Every structure is written in structure tokens, then in C-alpha cells.
Amino acid sequence: MNNFQKETLKKRILKLAMLKSTGAPADLAVRFEISERSVKRIVREIREAGTELRYSKTRRSYVTDKEYQ
């Protein structure tokens, strides 16, 4: 995966997280045709860049809002 593809995936994951509709990491992996480990690595990079992104077990989705735990 090159940098352009990775940055595109980051934007798509963030957009889905804002909509609270990413699904579980395994679901994202299937959707984007990458490994679950790659999904988790990209999510880590998003967090390291300063974006508040967490996984909500109740919504089964990554979310950007603090109110969802």
C-alpha cells in the first residue's frame, strides 16, 4: 500500500467514524480488502496524528464523539 492509498483510507475511515458506521475492525478489513492488522495500524496512525478516535462496543463502530464509550 502506498502513501496515497493509506491517506485515502484514513479519510474514508474518519468519514465513516463521524457517521458512526465503520463496523468492527474485521468489517473494515473486508470492506477495504486489507488485513485487520492494517486497519488497526491505520487507526493507530490517525490517533497519533491527534484525532480523537475510539471504538464503541455498543455501536460496534469507531466513533469520533467522546459521548460514546
C-alpha atoms as a PDB file:
ATOM      1  CA  MET A   1       0.000   0.000   0.000  1.00  0.00           C
ATOM      2  CA  ASN A   2       1.483   3.342  -0.997  1.00  0.00           C
ATOM      3  CA  ASN A   3       1.126   6.622   0.924  1.00  0.00           C
ATOM      4  CA  PHE A   4      -1.674   7.919  -1.307  1.00  0.00           C
ATOM      5  CA  GLN A   5      -3.741   4.778  -0.697  1.00  0.00           C
ATOM      6  CA  LYS A   6      -3.081   4.955   3.046  1.00  0.00           C
ATOM      7  CA  GLU A   7      -4.111   8.616   3.251  1.00  0.00           C
ATOM      8  CA  THR A   8      -7.261   7.844   1.257  1.00  0.00           C
ATOM      9  CA  LEU A   9      -8.128   5.034   3.669  1.00  0.00           C
ATOM     10  CA  LYS A  10      -7.559   7.339   6.648  1.00  0.00           C
ATOM     11  CA  LYS A  11     -10.009   9.859   5.194  1.00  0.00           C
ATOM     12  CA  ARG A  12     -12.587   7.155   4.490  1.00  0.00           C
ATOM     13  CA  ILE A  13     -12.268   5.683   7.993  1.00  0.00           C
ATOM     14  CA  LEU A  14     -12.627   9.125   9.580  1.00  0.00           C
ATOM     15  CA  LYS A  15     -15.690   9.900   7.484  1.00  0.00           C
ATOM     16  CA  LEU A  16     -17.296   6.585   8.464  1.00  0.00           C
ATOM     17  CA  ALA A  17     -16.367   7.200  12.125  1.00  0.00           C
ATOM     18  CA  MET A  18     -18.098  10.591  12.017  1.00  0.00           C
ATOM     19  CA  LEU A  19     -21.182   8.785  10.718  1.00  0.00           C
ATOM     20  CA  LYS A  20     -20.677   6.111  13.406  1.00  0.00           C
ATOM     21  CA  SER A  21     -20.841   3.389  10.785  1.00  0.00           C
ATOM     22  CA  THR A  22     -17.396   1.817  10.434  1.00  0.00           C
ATOM     23  CA  GLY A  23     -18.338  -1.557  11.845  1.00  0.00           C
ATOM     24  CA  ALA A  24     -15.784  -3.682  13.656  1.00  0.00           C
ATOM     25  CA  PRO A  25     -12.142  -3.729  12.518  1.00  0.00           C
ATOM     26  CA  ALA A  26     -12.788  -7.051  10.765  1.00  0.00           C
ATOM     27  CA  ASP A  27     -15.696  -5.460   8.866  1.00  0.00           C
ATOM     28  CA  LEU A  28     -13.488  -2.576   7.746  1.00  0.00           C
ATOM     29  CA  ALA A  29     -10.830  -5.017   6.614  1.00  0.00           C
ATOM     30  CA  VAL A  30     -13.331  -6.821   4.407  1.00  0.00           C
ATOM     31  CA  ARG A  31     -14.776  -3.549   3.081  1.00  0.00           C
ATOM     32  CA  PHE A  32     -11.368  -2.150   2.129  1.00  0.00           C
ATOM     33  CA  GLU A  33      -9.838  -5.501   1.139  1.00  0.00           C
ATOM     34  CA  ILE A  34      -6.961  -5.194   3.590  1.00  0.00           C
ATOM     35  CA  SER A  35      -5.976  -7.118   6.710  1.00  0.00           C
ATOM     36  CA  GLU A  36      -7.473  -6.410  10.112  1.00  0.00           C
ATOM     37  CA  ARG A  37      -3.964  -5.639  11.316  1.00  0.00           C
ATOM     38  CA  SER A  38      -3.650  -2.949   8.618  1.00  0.00           C
ATOM     39  CA  VAL A  39      -6.936  -1.422   9.780  1.00  0.00           C
ATOM     40  CA  LYS A  40      -5.672  -1.266  13.355  1.00  0.00           C
ATOM     41  CA  ARG A  41      -2.360   0.206  12.190  1.00  0.00           C
ATOM     42  CA  ILE A  42      -4.157   2.939  10.225  1.00  0.00           C
ATOM     43  CA  VAL A  43      -6.422   3.705  13.195  1.00  0.00           C
ATOM     44  CA  ARG A  44      -3.337   3.997  15.409  1.00  0.00           C
ATOM     45  CA  GLU A  45      -1.785   6.449  12.940  1.00  0.00           C
ATOM     46  CA  ILE A  46      -4.985   8.527  12.941  1.00  0.00           C
ATOM     47  CA  ARG A  47      -4.863   8.660  16.751  1.00  0.00           C
ATOM     48  CA  GLU A  48      -1.156   9.544  16.761  1.00  0.00           C
ATOM     49  CA  ALA A  49      -1.954  12.467  14.451  1.00  0.00           C
ATOM     50  CA  GLY A  50      -4.131  13.878  17.245  1.00  0.00           C
ATOM     51  CA  THR A  51      -7.625  12.836  16.197  1.00  0.00           C
ATOM     52  CA  GLU A  52      -9.874  11.515  18.964  1.00  0.00           C
ATOM     53  CA  LEU A  53     -10.986   8.169  17.603  1.00  0.00           C
ATOM     54  CA  ARG A  54     -12.246   5.344  19.768  1.00  0.00           C
ATOM     55  CA  TYR A  55     -14.107   2.106  19.324  1.00  0.00           C
ATOM     56  CA  SER A  56     -17.616   1.968  20.777  1.00  0.00           C
ATOM     57  CA  LYS A  57     -18.572  -1.579  21.744  1.00  0.00           C
ATOM     58  CA  THR A  58     -22.254  -0.650  21.951  1.00  0.00           C
ATOM     59  CA  ARG A  59     -22.324   0.824  18.422  1.00  0.00           C
ATOM     60  CA  ARG A  60     -19.784  -1.688  17.077  1.00  0.00           C
ATOM     61  CA  SER A  61     -18.083   1.196  15.308  1.00  0.00           C
ATOM     62  CA  TYR A  62     -15.217   3.604  15.618  1.00  0.00           C
ATOM     63  CA  VAL A  63     -16.564   6.990  16.667  1.00  0.00           C
ATOM     64  CA  THR A  64     -15.149  10.481  16.986  1.00  0.00           C
ATOM     65  CA  ASP A  65     -17.516  11.667  19.725  1.00  0.00           C
ATOM     66  CA  LYS A  66     -16.445  11.492  23.369  1.00  0.00           C
ATOM     67  CA  GLU A  67     -20.001  10.680  24.474  1.00  0.00           C
ATOM     68  CA  TYR A  68     -19.856   7.165  23.033  1.00  0.00           C
ATOM     69  CA  GLN A  69     -17.887   4.696  25.103  1.00  0.00           C
END
